[in-house]
Amino acid sequence: MTTFDDENIEFDFFDEPETAEAPRPRRRARRERSGGPRPPAPPTGLVPLTRLVGLIALAIAIVVAFVFWVGACQGKSTHDQYASYATSVRTVAASSNALGREFASKLVAGTKQSDLESSLQQYAQQEQQEYDQAQQIRPPGPLRQIHQQLVDAIELRAKGLAALGAVVAQWTPKNTSQTVDSLASQAELLTASDVVWEQLYRIPATQQLKTQGITGVVIPGSTFVPNSELVSARSFGVLLNNLKGASTGGTPSGLHGSALVSVVANPGATALSTSTATTVKVSADLSFAATVEDSGNFQENGVVVHLTITAGSATIKRTQTIQTIAAKAQQTVSFGNFNLPTAAFGNKATVKVDVAPVPGEQNLANNTATYTVFFTLG
């Protein structure tokens, strides 16, 4: 039996080199930002929520701004639509008004029967053109029914003028009384057109604009007959009497005449005198008012009044017309808008007023007056 020495026996089960521990990665030192230490970051879940809230607020702001912008555009578009409509109506009204003034002047001009008939038919055709133009205007929706009243007013004028022309064409001195009644009856269409335009069109249209909240747009008025007396039976009697004189080559019978009563400088109501020089203070609103009287026994139409200022080498002329003046009545016409030259101040000047004779007038001694004046700055 072999004996082993326990002390000499060695057991080496792990005869391997020692495993070195893996080196840890080195962290880079964070560079400090200028301005102090960085504030702590918010919790991760709040960042998306904050961004979402901001985007929602921005979207709401954009939508609100868009709504306001659309509303403003619509409001401007509506206003422009009404303004464009009023401009179109104003063109028709201005043309019809001018035709009415021409019509009034023709009635008092003392023309021949054939000339008056031709003029009335021509006026009717022009008014028919205005009627066609009025029909072509496209009003905004709320004014469509009201606009029809404008069209009706123009139609009344066209029909009235055509009817007057037809009556004048049939007139003879033997049927004067009947013709006067017919003329006055047909002329009612013209006066009715003014009522329709004002009461059934302009006033309701203006109220509709207020209801729609439209400001700054004015619906124009229109007056074809400036003075109802112009188309009265009495005026038509004078008209036919003048036509009779013109057609026979004679003059109207009876006493006819016009007289200059007085001339006053305004402002200040300074009466001019034919015997002594008058000092007239000149201001921006300088005007002269001439009073004329019908000195005959009949109504007169279309009485023309002239005013002439002579100052040195400068001459200024003005003309006014009295449409209708009754027998023994007085009317005043005003002359203004003067731009006096420098030579007119401090030197003697003259103001002459002349009333043109009416048909059949014999006495012209009281139709004219010349006044000596000195113009001074007021």
Protein backbone atom coordinates (compact mmCIF):
# COMPACT_ATOMS: atom_id res chain seq x y z
CA MET A 1 0.00 0.00 0.00
CA THR A 2 1.40 3.29 -1.15
CA THR A 3 1.27 6.09 1.18
CA PHE A 4 0.64 9.65 -0.28
CA ASP A 5 1.80 12.75 1.36
CA ASP A 6 -1.30 14.98 1.54
CA GLU A 7 0.79 18.04 1.82
CA ASN A 8 2.48 17.37 -1.49
CA ILE A 9 -0.79 17.02 -3.45
CA GLU A 10 -2.00 20.33 -5.13
CA PHE A 11 -5.32 20.70 -6.99
CA ASP A 12 -5.35 23.51 -9.59
CA PHE A 13 -8.83 23.46 -11.21
CA PHE A 14 -8.82 27.06 -12.64
CA ASP A 15 -5.54 27.37 -14.27
CA GLU A 16 -6.63 30.41 -16.46
CA PRO A 17 -5.48 33.99 -16.51
CA GLU A 18 -7.49 36.52 -14.55
CA THR A 19 -10.25 38.24 -16.60
CA ALA A 20 -9.79 41.98 -16.69
CA GLU A 21 -12.90 44.10 -16.04
CA ALA A 22 -14.18 45.88 -19.21
CA PRO A 23 -13.44 49.60 -19.13
CA ARG A 24 -16.53 51.88 -18.80
CA PRO A 25 -17.19 54.47 -21.62
CA ARG A 26 -16.10 57.94 -20.69
CA ARG A 27 -18.77 60.63 -20.59
CA ARG A 28 -18.11 63.91 -22.30
CA ALA A 29 -18.24 66.80 -20.00
CA ARG A 30 -21.30 68.96 -20.78
CA ARG A 31 -20.42 72.40 -21.92
CA GLU A 32 -22.06 75.03 -19.82
CA ARG A 33 -24.29 77.39 -21.80
CA SER A 34 -23.85 81.11 -21.41
CA GLY A 35 -26.44 82.85 -19.38
CA GLY A 36 -26.57 80.52 -16.45
CA PRO A 37 -27.62 77.00 -15.89
CA ARG A 38 -30.24 75.43 -18.15
CA PRO A 39 -33.74 75.26 -16.58
CA PRO A 40 -35.06 71.84 -15.95
CA ALA A 41 -37.03 70.36 -18.86
CA PRO A 42 -40.74 69.94 -18.35
CA PRO A 43 -42.14 66.52 -17.95
CA THR A 44 -42.19 64.64 -21.22
CA GLY A 45 -46.03 64.36 -21.43
CA LEU A 46 -46.69 68.18 -21.23
CA VAL A 47 -44.74 69.15 -24.36
CA PRO A 48 -47.11 67.61 -26.96
CA LEU A 49 -50.12 68.90 -25.04
CA THR A 50 -48.77 72.46 -25.03
CA ARG A 51 -48.06 72.31 -28.75
CA LEU A 52 -51.54 70.93 -29.45
CA VAL A 53 -53.19 73.73 -27.47
CA GLY A 54 -51.14 76.33 -29.35
CA LEU A 55 -52.06 74.87 -32.72
CA ILE A 56 -55.75 74.81 -31.79
CA ALA A 57 -55.62 78.45 -30.68
CA LEU A 58 -53.86 79.44 -33.91
CA ALA A 59 -56.45 77.57 -35.98
CA ILE A 60 -59.29 79.29 -34.14
CA ALA A 61 -57.68 82.70 -34.71
CA ILE A 62 -57.30 81.98 -38.43
CA VAL A 63 -60.92 80.86 -38.73
CA VAL A 64 -62.20 83.95 -36.88
CA ALA A 65 -60.06 86.25 -39.03
CA PHE A 66 -61.30 84.52 -42.17
CA VAL A 67 -64.92 84.90 -41.09
CA PHE A 68 -64.43 88.62 -40.44
CA TRP A 69 -62.61 89.03 -43.76
CA VAL A 70 -65.39 87.28 -45.67
CA GLY A 71 -67.98 89.40 -43.88
CA ALA A 72 -66.11 92.60 -44.71
CA CYS A 73 -65.79 91.57 -48.36
CA GLN A 74 -69.48 90.74 -48.54
CA GLY A 75 -70.38 94.07 -46.92
CA LYS A 76 -68.22 95.98 -49.38
CA SER A 77 -69.61 94.03 -52.30
CA THR A 78 -73.19 94.79 -51.23
CA HIS A 79 -72.44 98.49 -50.78
CA ASP A 80 -70.77 98.65 -54.20
CA GLN A 81 -73.78 96.96 -55.75
CA TYR A 82 -76.18 99.58 -54.38
CA ALA A 83 -73.78 102.40 -55.26
CA SER A 84 -73.50 101.17 -58.84
CA TYR A 85 -77.28 100.95 -59.07
CA ALA A 86 -77.72 104.52 -57.79
CA THR A 87 -75.18 105.75 -60.35
CA SER A 88 -77.14 104.16 -63.18
CA VAL A 89 -80.38 105.69 -61.93
CA ARG A 90 -78.69 109.09 -61.57
CA THR A 91 -77.78 109.01 -65.26
CA VAL A 92 -81.39 108.38 -66.26
CA ALA A 93 -82.69 111.03 -63.84
CA ALA A 94 -80.26 113.71 -65.05
CA SER A 95 -81.18 113.10 -68.69
CA SER A 96 -84.90 113.20 -67.95
CA ASN A 97 -84.54 116.36 -65.84
CA ALA A 98 -82.67 118.10 -68.65
CA LEU A 99 -85.40 117.09 -71.09
CA GLY A 100 -88.00 118.53 -68.71
CA ARG A 101 -86.20 121.87 -68.64
CA GLU A 102 -86.02 121.90 -72.43
CA PHE A 103 -89.72 121.07 -72.60
CA ALA A 104 -90.55 123.99 -70.27
CA SER A 105 -88.47 126.40 -72.33
CA LYS A 106 -90.18 125.25 -75.51
CA LEU A 107 -93.64 125.90 -74.11
CA VAL A 108 -92.80 129.51 -73.29
CA ALA A 109 -90.73 130.27 -76.39
CA GLY A 110 -93.68 131.29 -78.55
CA THR A 111 -92.73 129.03 -81.43
CA LYS A 112 -94.79 127.93 -84.41
CA GLN A 113 -97.34 125.14 -84.21
CA SER A 114 -95.39 122.81 -86.51
CA ASP A 115 -92.18 123.40 -84.57
CA LEU A 116 -93.88 122.72 -81.23
CA GLU A 117 -95.50 119.54 -82.55
CA SER A 118 -92.17 118.29 -83.89
CA SER A 119 -90.37 119.10 -80.64
CA LEU A 120 -92.95 117.31 -78.50
CA GLN A 121 -92.72 114.16 -80.61
CA GLN A 122 -88.95 114.32 -80.42
CA TYR A 123 -89.10 114.69 -76.63
CA ALA A 124 -91.41 111.66 -76.47
CA GLN A 125 -88.89 109.58 -78.42
CA GLN A 126 -86.05 110.66 -76.16
CA GLU A 127 -88.08 109.78 -73.09
CA GLN A 128 -88.88 106.41 -74.65
CA GLN A 129 -85.13 105.81 -74.87
CA GLU A 130 -84.84 106.67 -71.19
CA TYR A 131 -87.62 104.16 -70.53
CA ASP A 132 -85.69 101.44 -72.36
CA GLN A 133 -82.53 102.32 -70.45
CA ALA A 134 -84.37 102.22 -67.12
CA GLN A 135 -85.64 98.74 -67.92
CA GLN A 136 -82.10 97.51 -68.54
CA ILE A 137 -80.91 98.56 -65.07
CA ARG A 138 -80.51 95.56 -62.75
CA PRO A 139 -81.36 96.66 -59.20
CA PRO A 140 -80.30 94.75 -56.07
CA GLY A 141 -82.83 92.14 -54.94
CA PRO A 142 -84.62 94.23 -52.28
CA LEU A 143 -85.15 97.07 -54.82
CA ARG A 144 -86.53 95.08 -57.73
CA GLN A 145 -90.20 95.79 -57.10
CA ILE A 146 -89.54 99.41 -56.12
CA HIS A 147 -87.48 99.97 -59.27
CA GLN A 148 -90.54 99.20 -61.36
CA GLN A 149 -92.06 102.48 -60.11
CA LEU A 150 -89.14 104.35 -61.67
CA VAL A 151 -89.83 102.60 -64.96
CA ASP A 152 -93.52 103.54 -64.70
CA ALA A 153 -92.64 107.20 -64.06
CA ILE A 154 -90.52 107.36 -67.21
CA GLU A 155 -93.28 105.66 -69.19
CA LEU A 156 -95.79 108.30 -68.05
CA ARG A 157 -93.48 111.01 -69.33
CA ALA A 158 -93.06 109.38 -72.72
CA LYS A 159 -96.82 108.88 -73.11
CA GLY A 160 -97.63 112.39 -71.89
CA LEU A 161 -95.25 114.06 -74.33
CA ALA A 162 -96.51 111.99 -77.25
CA ALA A 163 -100.13 112.83 -76.35
CA LEU A 164 -99.36 116.56 -76.13
CA GLY A 165 -97.77 116.45 -79.56
CA ALA A 166 -100.82 114.74 -81.00
CA VAL A 167 -103.17 117.35 -79.49
CA VAL A 168 -101.08 120.26 -80.80
CA ALA A 169 -101.13 118.67 -84.26
CA GLN A 170 -104.96 118.72 -84.25
CA TRP A 171 -105.32 122.28 -82.99
CA THR A 172 -107.00 125.02 -85.02
CA PRO A 173 -108.03 128.49 -83.81
CA LYS A 174 -111.67 127.35 -83.97
CA ASN A 175 -111.23 124.55 -81.40
CA THR A 176 -108.93 126.44 -79.02
CA SER A 177 -111.10 125.90 -75.94
CA GLN A 178 -111.31 122.14 -76.50
CA THR A 179 -107.58 121.96 -77.24
CA VAL A 180 -106.72 123.77 -74.02
CA ASP A 181 -108.71 121.23 -72.00
CA SER A 182 -107.07 118.32 -73.84
CA LEU A 183 -103.57 119.71 -73.31
CA ALA A 184 -104.18 120.22 -69.59
CA SER A 185 -105.58 116.68 -69.29
CA GLN A 186 -102.64 115.03 -71.07
CA ALA A 187 -100.14 117.14 -69.11
CA GLU A 188 -101.40 115.49 -65.92
CA LEU A 189 -99.40 112.44 -66.98
CA LEU A 190 -96.24 114.53 -66.65
CA THR A 191 -97.07 115.87 -63.21
CA ALA A 192 -98.15 112.38 -62.14
CA SER A 193 -94.74 111.04 -63.19
CA ASP A 194 -93.06 113.36 -60.71
CA VAL A 195 -95.33 112.11 -57.92
CA VAL A 196 -94.68 108.47 -58.81
CA TRP A 197 -90.93 109.00 -58.88
CA GLU A 198 -90.85 110.76 -55.51
CA GLN A 199 -93.54 109.01 -53.50
CA LEU A 200 -93.49 105.49 -54.93
CA TYR A 201 -89.85 105.17 -55.89
CA ARG A 202 -87.32 107.49 -54.23
CA ILE A 203 -88.77 107.53 -50.71
CA PRO A 204 -89.38 103.72 -50.50
CA ALA A 205 -85.98 103.00 -52.09
CA THR A 206 -84.25 105.26 -49.58
CA GLN A 207 -86.06 103.52 -46.73
CA GLN A 208 -85.01 100.13 -48.09
CA LEU A 209 -81.37 101.23 -48.04
CA LYS A 210 -81.73 102.14 -44.37
CA THR A 211 -83.30 98.75 -43.68
CA GLN A 212 -80.38 97.01 -45.40
CA GLY A 213 -77.87 99.10 -43.44
CA ILE A 214 -76.47 100.73 -46.61
CA THR A 215 -74.94 104.14 -45.94
CA GLY A 216 -73.37 106.67 -48.24
CA VAL A 217 -75.67 105.85 -51.18
CA VAL A 218 -78.24 108.45 -52.30
CA ILE A 219 -81.25 107.57 -54.43
CA PRO A 220 -81.71 110.49 -56.85
CA GLY A 221 -84.94 112.36 -57.34
CA SER A 222 -86.33 113.55 -60.64
CA THR A 223 -88.67 116.41 -61.55
CA PHE A 224 -89.89 116.77 -65.11
CA VAL A 225 -92.31 119.66 -64.57
CA PRO A 226 -90.50 122.35 -62.52
CA ASN A 227 -93.66 124.41 -62.05
CA SER A 228 -97.16 122.93 -62.20
CA GLU A 229 -98.50 126.29 -63.39
CA LEU A 230 -96.52 125.74 -66.57
CA VAL A 231 -98.92 122.97 -67.66
CA SER A 232 -102.13 124.49 -66.35
CA ALA A 233 -105.12 125.31 -68.55
CA ARG A 234 -104.36 129.01 -68.24
CA SER A 235 -100.77 128.52 -69.44
CA PHE A 236 -101.90 126.40 -72.37
CA GLY A 237 -104.38 129.16 -73.28
CA VAL A 238 -101.49 131.62 -73.45
CA LEU A 239 -99.48 129.08 -75.44
CA LEU A 240 -102.18 128.69 -78.07
CA ASN A 241 -102.68 132.42 -78.21
CA ASN A 242 -98.98 132.83 -78.96
CA LEU A 243 -99.15 130.05 -81.53
CA LYS A 244 -102.03 131.84 -83.20
CA GLY A 245 -100.00 135.01 -83.47
CA ALA A 246 -96.98 133.15 -84.81
CA SER A 247 -99.01 131.18 -87.37
CA THR A 248 -100.77 134.26 -88.75
CA GLY A 249 -97.69 136.42 -88.71
CA GLY A 250 -99.38 138.90 -86.34
CA THR A 251 -99.05 139.61 -82.63
CA PRO A 252 -101.14 138.48 -79.66
CA SER A 253 -104.12 140.70 -78.98
CA GLY A 254 -104.70 142.58 -75.73
CA LEU A 255 -102.29 144.33 -73.38
CA HIS A 256 -98.99 142.48 -72.92
CA GLY A 257 -95.91 143.79 -71.19
CA SER A 258 -93.14 143.41 -68.63
CA ALA A 259 -91.41 146.02 -66.52
CA LEU A 260 -88.21 146.18 -64.46
CA VAL A 261 -89.17 147.23 -60.93
CA SER A 262 -85.87 147.29 -58.99
CA VAL A 263 -82.34 145.91 -58.68
CA VAL A 264 -80.69 145.14 -55.33
CA ALA A 265 -77.10 144.16 -54.53
CA ASN A 266 -76.67 141.35 -51.99
CA PRO A 267 -75.63 140.65 -49.33
CA GLY A 268 -76.81 143.78 -47.63
CA ALA A 269 -79.84 144.50 -49.84
CA THR A 270 -78.28 147.66 -51.27
CA ALA A 271 -80.76 149.18 -53.73
CA LEU A 272 -79.23 150.51 -56.94
CA SER A 273 -80.23 153.93 -58.21
CA THR A 274 -80.37 155.33 -61.72
CA SER A 275 -79.80 158.89 -60.47
CA THR A 276 -76.82 158.55 -58.12
CA ALA A 277 -73.80 156.25 -57.90
CA THR A 278 -74.08 153.38 -55.42
CA THR A 279 -71.21 151.84 -53.46
CA VAL A 280 -71.39 148.05 -53.61
CA LYS A 281 -69.36 145.94 -51.21
CA VAL A 282 -67.95 142.88 -52.94
CA SER A 283 -67.73 139.51 -51.21
CA ALA A 284 -67.57 135.90 -52.33
CA ASP A 285 -71.38 135.67 -52.42
CA LEU A 286 -72.04 138.93 -54.30
CA SER A 287 -75.29 138.80 -56.29
CA PHE A 288 -77.81 141.12 -57.89
CA ALA A 289 -81.57 140.55 -57.54
CA ALA A 290 -83.80 141.99 -60.25
CA THR A 291 -87.56 142.24 -59.68
CA VAL A 292 -89.78 142.08 -62.77
CA GLU A 293 -93.51 142.76 -63.05
CA ASP A 294 -96.01 141.49 -65.60
CA SER A 295 -97.46 144.86 -66.59
CA GLY A 296 -100.03 143.44 -68.99
CA ASN A 297 -103.35 141.74 -68.60
CA PHE A 298 -102.20 138.25 -69.50
CA GLN A 299 -99.91 135.62 -68.06
CA GLU A 300 -96.49 135.66 -69.70
CA ASN A 301 -94.12 132.74 -70.17
CA GLY A 302 -90.40 132.65 -70.74
CA VAL A 303 -89.56 136.21 -69.73
CA VAL A 304 -85.81 136.64 -70.30
CA VAL A 305 -83.78 139.00 -68.11
CA HIS A 306 -80.19 140.07 -68.93
CA LEU A 307 -77.61 141.64 -66.60
CA THR A 308 -74.37 143.24 -67.83
CA ILE A 309 -71.52 144.60 -65.68
CA THR A 310 -69.04 146.91 -67.39
CA ALA A 311 -65.87 147.81 -65.47
CA GLY A 312 -63.09 149.34 -67.54
CA SER A 313 -62.35 146.99 -70.42
CA ALA A 314 -64.05 144.04 -68.68
CA THR A 315 -67.63 143.01 -69.45
CA ILE A 316 -69.53 140.35 -67.51
CA LYS A 317 -72.92 139.08 -68.72
CA ARG A 318 -75.55 136.93 -67.06
CA THR A 319 -79.03 135.73 -68.17
CA GLN A 320 -82.01 134.37 -66.25
CA THR A 321 -85.48 133.30 -67.41
CA ILE A 322 -88.78 133.64 -65.60
CA GLN A 323 -90.73 130.56 -66.69
CA THR A 324 -94.21 131.85 -65.86
CA ILE A 325 -95.49 135.12 -64.41
CA ALA A 326 -99.15 135.98 -63.86
CA ALA A 327 -100.71 139.27 -64.90
CA LYS A 328 -99.80 142.14 -62.53
CA ALA A 329 -97.62 139.80 -60.48
CA GLN A 330 -93.93 140.30 -59.65
CA GLN A 331 -91.05 137.84 -59.62
CA THR A 332 -87.37 138.18 -58.72
CA VAL A 333 -84.41 136.59 -60.44
CA SER A 334 -80.89 136.49 -58.98
CA PHE A 335 -77.53 136.80 -60.75
CA GLY A 336 -74.38 135.57 -59.02
CA ASN A 337 -71.03 133.83 -59.35
CA PHE A 338 -69.07 136.95 -60.25
CA ASN A 339 -65.30 137.15 -60.61
CA LEU A 340 -64.65 140.86 -60.87
CA PRO A 341 -61.32 142.01 -62.33
CA THR A 342 -58.95 144.21 -60.36
CA ALA A 343 -59.83 147.16 -62.57
CA ALA A 344 -63.41 147.04 -61.28
CA PHE A 345 -62.39 148.24 -57.81
CA GLY A 346 -62.07 151.96 -57.08
CA ASN A 347 -63.27 152.97 -60.53
CA LYS A 348 -66.70 153.77 -61.85
CA ALA A 349 -68.57 150.77 -63.21
CA THR A 350 -72.04 150.21 -64.60
CA VAL A 351 -74.68 147.56 -64.03
CA LYS A 352 -77.31 147.26 -66.75
CA VAL A 353 -80.46 145.14 -66.46
CA ASP A 354 -82.68 144.50 -69.46
CA VAL A 355 -86.01 142.64 -69.60
CA ALA A 356 -86.65 141.21 -73.05
CA PRO A 357 -90.04 142.17 -74.49
CA VAL A 358 -92.80 139.57 -74.44
CA PRO A 359 -94.94 138.81 -77.52
CA GLY A 360 -97.39 141.63 -78.16
CA GLU A 361 -95.58 144.11 -75.89
CA GLN A 362 -95.70 147.70 -77.16
CA ASN A 363 -94.23 149.81 -74.34
CA LEU A 364 -90.51 149.08 -73.90
CA ALA A 365 -89.61 152.22 -71.92
CA ASN A 366 -89.68 150.42 -68.56
CA ASN A 367 -87.76 147.32 -69.61
CA THR A 368 -84.21 148.59 -69.12
CA ALA A 369 -82.20 150.45 -66.47
CA THR A 370 -78.50 151.33 -66.12
CA TYR A 371 -76.92 151.91 -62.71
CA THR A 372 -73.60 153.53 -61.82
CA VAL A 373 -71.71 151.74 -59.04
CA PHE A 374 -68.37 151.73 -57.23
CA PHE A 375 -67.14 148.31 -56.17
CA THR A 376 -65.23 148.06 -52.90
CA LEU A 377 -63.95 145.11 -50.93
CA GLY A 378 -66.37 144.24 -48.16
